[in-house]
């Protein structure tokens, strides 16, 4: 199915929740914040939120440094 990820169209497998989407994208869940369809998605809802065709995600990576 197709979603929009950080402004780019992306084809992903069907049946994923947000946690599984991060695994599919090989992203560390501890280092990201997620906006879904223009709303911040709380970390506690990632496991229960199904990814649907046409969803729009913005995923921001936290970068450490000094």
PDB file of N, CA and C in Angstrom:
ATOM      1  N   UNK A   1       0.844  -1.169   0.000  1.00  0.00           N
ATOM      2  CA  UNK A   1       0.000   0.000   0.000  1.00  0.00           C
ATOM      3  C   UNK A   1       0.889   1.231   0.000  1.00  0.00           C
ATOM      4  N   UNK A   2       0.319   2.356  -0.345  1.00  0.00           N
ATOM      5  CA  UNK A   2       1.093   3.582  -0.481  1.00  0.00           C
ATOM      6  C   UNK A   2       0.779   4.564   0.646  1.00  0.00           C
ATOM      7  N   UNK A   3       1.860   5.135   1.224  1.00  0.00           N
ATOM      8  CA  UNK A   3       1.738   6.186   2.230  1.00  0.00           C
ATOM      9  C   UNK A   3       2.644   7.343   1.798  1.00  0.00           C
ATOM     10  N   UNK A   4       2.502   8.458   2.482  1.00  0.00           N
ATOM     11  CA  UNK A   4       3.397   9.591   2.269  1.00  0.00           C
ATOM     12  C   UNK A   4       4.295   9.679   3.501  1.00  0.00           C
ATOM     13  N   UNK A   5       5.601   9.586   3.293  1.00  0.00           N
ATOM     14  CA  UNK A   5       6.555   9.582   4.390  1.00  0.00           C
ATOM     15  C   UNK A   5       7.546  10.721   4.197  1.00  0.00           C
ATOM     16  N   UNK A   6       7.492  11.690   5.100  1.00  0.00           N
ATOM     17  CA  UNK A   6       8.368  12.869   5.020  1.00  0.00           C
ATOM     18  C   UNK A   6       8.317  13.495   3.632  1.00  0.00           C
ATOM     19  N   UNK A   7       7.106  13.592   3.087  1.00  0.00           N
ATOM     20  CA  UNK A   7       6.889  14.270   1.820  1.00  0.00           C
ATOM     21  C   UNK A   7       7.100  13.424   0.581  1.00  0.00           C
ATOM     22  N   UNK A   8       7.472  12.151   0.739  1.00  0.00           N
ATOM     23  CA  UNK A   8       7.708  11.274  -0.407  1.00  0.00           C
ATOM     24  C   UNK A   8       6.756  10.089  -0.388  1.00  0.00           C
ATOM     25  N   UNK A   9       6.244   9.717  -1.557  1.00  0.00           N
ATOM     26  CA  UNK A   9       5.416   8.524  -1.658  1.00  0.00           C
ATOM     27  C   UNK A   9       6.249   7.295  -1.370  1.00  0.00           C
ATOM     28  N   UNK A  10       5.673   6.364  -0.620  1.00  0.00           N
ATOM     29  CA  UNK A  10       6.405   5.156  -0.238  1.00  0.00           C
ATOM     30  C   UNK A  10       5.472   3.966  -0.287  1.00  0.00           C
ATOM     31  N   UNK A  11       5.920   2.872  -0.839  1.00  0.00           N
ATOM     32  CA  UNK A  11       5.156   1.623  -0.888  1.00  0.00           C
ATOM     33  C   UNK A  11       5.600   0.763   0.295  1.00  0.00           C
ATOM     34  N   UNK A  12       4.635   0.333   1.116  1.00  0.00           N
ATOM     35  CA  UNK A  12       4.945  -0.499   2.286  1.00  0.00           C
ATOM     36  C   UNK A  12       3.988  -1.688   2.313  1.00  0.00           C
ATOM     37  N   UNK A  13       4.346  -2.739   3.071  1.00  0.00           N
ATOM     38  CA  UNK A  13       3.435  -3.882   3.206  1.00  0.00           C
ATOM     39  C   UNK A  13       2.154  -3.492   3.945  1.00  0.00           C
ATOM     40  N   UNK A  14       1.072  -4.169   3.654  1.00  0.00           N
ATOM     41  CA  UNK A  14      -0.195  -3.939   4.366  1.00  0.00           C
ATOM     42  C   UNK A  14      -0.145  -4.612   5.728  1.00  0.00           C
ATOM     43  N   UNK A  15      -1.003  -4.137   6.630  1.00  0.00           N
ATOM     44  CA  UNK A  15      -1.171  -4.778   7.934  1.00  0.00           C
ATOM     45  C   UNK A  15      -0.179  -4.339   9.002  1.00  0.00           C
ATOM     46  N   UNK A  16       0.543  -3.251   8.767  1.00  0.00           N
ATOM     47  CA  UNK A  16       1.509  -2.782   9.765  1.00  0.00           C
ATOM     48  C   UNK A  16       0.853  -1.831  10.753  1.00  0.00           C
ATOM     49  N   UNK A  17       1.331  -1.881  12.008  1.00  0.00           N
ATOM     50  CA  UNK A  17       1.024  -0.802  12.932  1.00  0.00           C
ATOM     51  C   UNK A  17       2.222   0.139  12.905  1.00  0.00           C
ATOM     52  N   UNK A  18       2.181   1.218  13.658  1.00  0.00           N
ATOM     53  CA  UNK A  18       3.258   2.207  13.586  1.00  0.00           C
ATOM     54  C   UNK A  18       4.581   1.619  14.083  1.00  0.00           C
ATOM     55  N   UNK A  19       4.550   0.801  15.121  1.00  0.00           N
ATOM     56  CA  UNK A  19       5.773   0.158  15.609  1.00  0.00           C
ATOM     57  C   UNK A  19       6.386  -0.710  14.517  1.00  0.00           C
ATOM     58  N   UNK A  20       5.558  -1.499  13.841  1.00  0.00           N
ATOM     59  CA  UNK A  20       6.049  -2.358  12.756  1.00  0.00           C
ATOM     60  C   UNK A  20       6.550  -1.529  11.574  1.00  0.00           C
ATOM     61  N   UNK A  21       5.933  -0.380  11.331  1.00  0.00           N
ATOM     62  CA  UNK A  21       6.405   0.515  10.275  1.00  0.00           C
ATOM     63  C   UNK A  21       7.832   0.966  10.572  1.00  0.00           C
ATOM     64  N   UNK A  22       8.106   1.341  11.813  1.00  0.00           N
ATOM     65  CA  UNK A  22       9.455   1.747  12.187  1.00  0.00           C
ATOM     66  C   UNK A  22      10.445   0.602  11.990  1.00  0.00           C
ATOM     67  N   UNK A  23      10.041  -0.611  12.359  1.00  0.00           N
ATOM     68  CA  UNK A  23      10.902  -1.778  12.139  1.00  0.00           C
ATOM     69  C   UNK A  23      11.158  -1.969  10.648  1.00  0.00           C
ATOM     70  N   UNK A  24      10.114  -1.855   9.839  1.00  0.00           N
ATOM     71  CA  UNK A  24      10.238  -1.998   8.387  1.00  0.00           C
ATOM     72  C   UNK A  24      11.210  -0.966   7.809  1.00  0.00           C
ATOM     73  N   UNK A  25      11.166   0.241   8.365  1.00  0.00           N
ATOM     74  CA  UNK A  25      12.037   1.327   7.893  1.00  0.00           C
ATOM     75  C   UNK A  25      13.418   1.283   8.545  1.00  0.00           C
ATOM     76  N   UNK A  26      13.625   0.343   9.462  1.00  0.00           N
ATOM     77  CA  UNK A  26      14.880   0.188  10.200  1.00  0.00           C
ATOM     78  C   UNK A  26      15.237   1.454  11.000  1.00  0.00           C
ATOM     79  N   UNK A  27      14.216   1.986  11.679  1.00  0.00           N
ATOM     80  CA  UNK A  27      14.406   3.167  12.511  1.00  0.00           C
ATOM     81  C   UNK A  27      14.320   2.778  13.981  1.00  0.00           C
ATOM     82  N   UNK A  28      15.173   3.361  14.802  1.00  0.00           N
ATOM     83  CA  UNK A  28      15.181   3.115  16.235  1.00  0.00           C
ATOM     84  C   UNK A  28      14.026   3.889  16.874  1.00  0.00           C
ATOM     85  N   UNK A  29      13.033   3.199  17.413  1.00  0.00           N
ATOM     86  CA  UNK A  29      11.874   3.886  17.990  1.00  0.00           C
ATOM     87  C   UNK A  29      12.229   4.817  19.151  1.00  0.00           C
ATOM     88  N   UNK A  30      13.341   4.587  19.801  1.00  0.00           N
ATOM     89  CA  UNK A  30      13.739   5.428  20.930  1.00  0.00           C
ATOM     90  C   UNK A  30      14.251   6.789  20.470  1.00  0.00           C
ATOM     91  N   UNK A  31      14.528   6.932  19.168  1.00  0.00           N
ATOM     92  CA  UNK A  31      15.162   8.157  18.681  1.00  0.00           C
ATOM     93  C   UNK A  31      14.318   8.922  17.670  1.00  0.00           C
ATOM     94  N   UNK A  32      12.990   8.678  17.676  1.00  0.00           N
ATOM     95  CA  UNK A  32      12.136   9.374  16.709  1.00  0.00           C
ATOM     96  C   UNK A  32      10.887   9.951  17.379  1.00  0.00           C
ATOM     97  N   UNK A  33      10.307  10.931  16.712  1.00  0.00           N
ATOM     98  CA  UNK A  33       8.975  11.459  17.040  1.00  0.00           C
ATOM     99  C   UNK A  33       8.162  11.323  15.755  1.00  0.00           C
ATOM    100  N   UNK A  34       6.865  11.066  15.902  1.00  0.00           N
ATOM    101  CA  UNK A  34       6.036  10.787  14.732  1.00  0.00           C
ATOM    102  C   UNK A  34       4.799  11.683  14.709  1.00  0.00           C
ATOM    103  N   UNK A  35       4.557  12.233  13.536  1.00  0.00           N
ATOM    104  CA  UNK A  35       3.319  12.955  13.255  1.00  0.00           C
ATOM    105  C   UNK A  35       2.575  12.133  12.199  1.00  0.00           C
ATOM    106  N   UNK A  36       1.300  11.852  12.466  1.00  0.00           N
ATOM    107  CA  UNK A  36       0.476  11.086  11.531  1.00  0.00           C
ATOM    108  C   UNK A  36      -0.723  11.938  11.137  1.00  0.00           C
ATOM    109  N   UNK A  37      -0.878  12.160   9.854  1.00  0.00           N
ATOM    110  CA  UNK A  37      -1.992  12.952   9.339  1.00  0.00           C
ATOM    111  C   UNK A  37      -2.124  14.289  10.073  1.00  0.00           C
ATOM    112  N   UNK A  38      -0.979  14.958  10.212  1.00  0.00           N
ATOM    113  CA  UNK A  38      -0.869  16.315  10.782  1.00  0.00           C
ATOM    114  C   UNK A  38      -1.097  16.387  12.285  1.00  0.00           C
ATOM    115  N   UNK A  39      -1.074  15.242  12.987  1.00  0.00           N
ATOM    116  CA  UNK A  39      -1.213  15.230  14.444  1.00  0.00           C
ATOM    117  C   UNK A  39      -0.091  14.417  15.057  1.00  0.00           C
ATOM    118  N   UNK A  40       0.481  14.934  16.168  1.00  0.00           N
ATOM    119  CA  UNK A  40       1.516  14.188  16.886  1.00  0.00           C
ATOM    120  C   UNK A  40       0.899  12.876  17.378  1.00  0.00           C
ATOM    121  N   UNK A  41       1.607  11.782  17.162  1.00  0.00           N
ATOM    122  CA  UNK A  41       1.129  10.472  17.605  1.00  0.00           C
ATOM    123  C   UNK A  41       1.908  10.075  18.859  1.00  0.00           C
ATOM    124  N   UNK A  42       1.241  10.034  20.013  1.00  0.00           N
ATOM    125  CA  UNK A  42       1.937   9.665  21.254  1.00  0.00           C
ATOM    126  C   UNK A  42       2.535   8.261  21.167  1.00  0.00           C
ATOM    127  N   UNK A  43       3.706   8.109  21.728  1.00  0.00           N
ATOM    128  CA  UNK A  43       4.436   6.834  21.712  1.00  0.00           C
ATOM    129  C   UNK A  43       3.571   5.676  22.228  1.00  0.00           C
ATOM    130  N   UNK A  44       2.731   5.937  23.205  1.00  0.00           N
ATOM    131  CA  UNK A  44       1.875   4.896  23.769  1.00  0.00           C
ATOM    132  C   UNK A  44       0.821   4.372  22.805  1.00  0.00           C
ATOM    133  N   UNK A  45       0.610   5.054  21.683  1.00  0.00           N
ATOM    134  CA  UNK A  45      -0.384   4.620  20.699  1.00  0.00           C
ATOM    135  C   UNK A  45       0.228   3.948  19.471  1.00  0.00           C
ATOM    136  N   UNK A  46       1.543   3.887  19.403  1.00  0.00           N
ATOM    137  CA  UNK A  46       2.189   3.327  18.214  1.00  0.00           C
ATOM    138  C   UNK A  46       1.794   1.875  17.975  1.00  0.00           C
ATOM    139  N   UNK A  47       1.740   1.093  19.046  1.00  0.00           N
ATOM    140  CA  UNK A  47       1.446  -0.347  18.910  1.00  0.00           C
ATOM    141  C   UNK A  47       0.005  -0.593  18.454  1.00  0.00           C
ATOM    142  N   UNK A  48      -0.908   0.297  18.811  1.00  0.00           N
ATOM    143  CA  UNK A  48      -2.327   0.072  18.505  1.00  0.00           C
ATOM    144  C   UNK A  48      -2.827   0.880  17.306  1.00  0.00           C
ATOM    145  N   UNK A  49      -1.955   1.661  16.696  1.00  0.00           N
ATOM    146  CA  UNK A  49      -2.359   2.478  15.547  1.00  0.00           C
ATOM    147  C   UNK A  49      -1.985   1.788  14.250  1.00  0.00           C
ATOM    148  N   UNK A  50      -2.995   1.388  13.497  1.00  0.00           N
ATOM    149  CA  UNK A  50      -2.763   0.731  12.206  1.00  0.00           C
ATOM    150  C   UNK A  50      -2.392   1.773  11.155  1.00  0.00           C
ATOM    151  N   UNK A  51      -1.468   1.396  10.289  1.00  0.00           N
ATOM    152  CA  UNK A  51      -1.094   2.255   9.164  1.00  0.00           C
ATOM    153  C   UNK A  51      -2.076   1.969   8.033  1.00  0.00           C
ATOM    154  N   UNK A  52      -2.678   3.016   7.485  1.00  0.00           N
ATOM    155  CA  UNK A  52      -3.676   2.875   6.426  1.00  0.00           C
ATOM    156  C   UNK A  52      -3.148   3.505   5.130  1.00  0.00           C
ATOM    157  N   UNK A  53      -3.629   2.992   4.025  1.00  0.00           N
ATOM    158  CA  UNK A  53      -3.262   3.555   2.722  1.00  0.00           C
ATOM    159  C   UNK A  53      -3.595   5.040   2.718  1.00  0.00           C
ATOM    160  N   UNK A  54      -2.657   5.832   2.217  1.00  0.00           N
ATOM    161  CA  UNK A  54      -2.863   7.268   2.133  1.00  0.00           C
ATOM    162  C   UNK A  54      -2.460   8.039   3.374  1.00  0.00           C
ATOM    163  N   UNK A  55      -2.082   7.331   4.466  1.00  0.00           N
ATOM    164  CA  UNK A  55      -1.625   8.032   5.663  1.00  0.00           C
ATOM    165  C   UNK A  55      -0.419   8.899   5.318  1.00  0.00           C
ATOM    166  N   UNK A  56      -0.311   9.994   6.053  1.00  0.00           N
ATOM    167  CA  UNK A  56       0.781  10.946   5.856  1.00  0.00           C
ATOM    168  C   UNK A  56       1.600  11.005   7.142  1.00  0.00           C
ATOM    169  N   UNK A  57       2.845  10.573   7.066  1.00  0.00           N
ATOM    170  CA  UNK A  57       3.724  10.531   8.230  1.00  0.00           C
ATOM    171  C   UNK A  57       4.884  11.501   8.076  1.00  0.00           C
ATOM    172  N   UNK A  58       5.208  12.162   9.170  1.00  0.00           N
ATOM    173  CA  UNK A  58       6.452  12.914   9.282  1.00  0.00           C
ATOM    174  C   UNK A  58       7.178  12.253  10.457  1.00  0.00           C
ATOM    175  N   UNK A  59       8.360  11.758  10.194  1.00  0.00           N
ATOM    176  CA  UNK A  59       9.160  11.108  11.231  1.00  0.00           C
ATOM    177  C   UNK A  59      10.442  11.922  11.416  1.00  0.00           C
ATOM    178  N   UNK A  60      10.643  12.372  12.638  1.00  0.00           N
ATOM    179  CA  UNK A  60      11.797  13.206  12.965  1.00  0.00           C
ATOM    180  C   UNK A  60      12.755  12.393  13.810  1.00  0.00           C
ATOM    181  N   UNK A  61      14.035  12.391  13.422  1.00  0.00           N
ATOM    182  CA  UNK A  61      15.079  11.677  14.150  1.00  0.00           C
ATOM    183  C   UNK A  61      15.752  12.633  15.123  1.00  0.00           C
ATOM    184  N   UNK A  62      15.934  12.163  16.361  1.00  0.00           N
ATOM    185  CA  UNK A  62      16.687  12.935  17.344  1.00  0.00           C
ATOM    186  C   UNK A  62      18.166  12.625  17.147  1.00  0.00           C
ATOM    187  N   UNK A  63      18.979  13.662  17.128  1.00  0.00           N
ATOM    188  CA  UNK A  63      20.404  13.503  16.940  1.00  0.00           C
ATOM    189  C   UNK A  63      21.111  14.116  18.151  1.00  0.00           C
ATOM    190  N   UNK A  64      21.991  13.325  18.757  1.00  0.00           N
ATOM    191  CA  UNK A  64      22.745  13.844  19.893  1.00  0.00           C
ATOM    192  C   UNK A  64      24.013  14.536  19.433  1.00  0.00           C
ATOM    193  N   UNK A  65      24.536  15.309  20.288  1.00  0.00           N
ATOM    194  CA  UNK A  65      25.783  15.994  19.957  1.00  0.00           C
ATOM    195  C   UNK A  65      26.134  16.998  21.036  1.00  0.00           C
ATOM    196  N   UNK A  66      27.225  17.644  20.831  1.00  0.00           N
ATOM    197  CA  UNK A  66      27.614  18.580  21.865  1.00  0.00           C
ATOM    198  C   UNK A  66      28.464  19.691  21.336  1.00  0.00           C
TER     199      UNK A  66
END
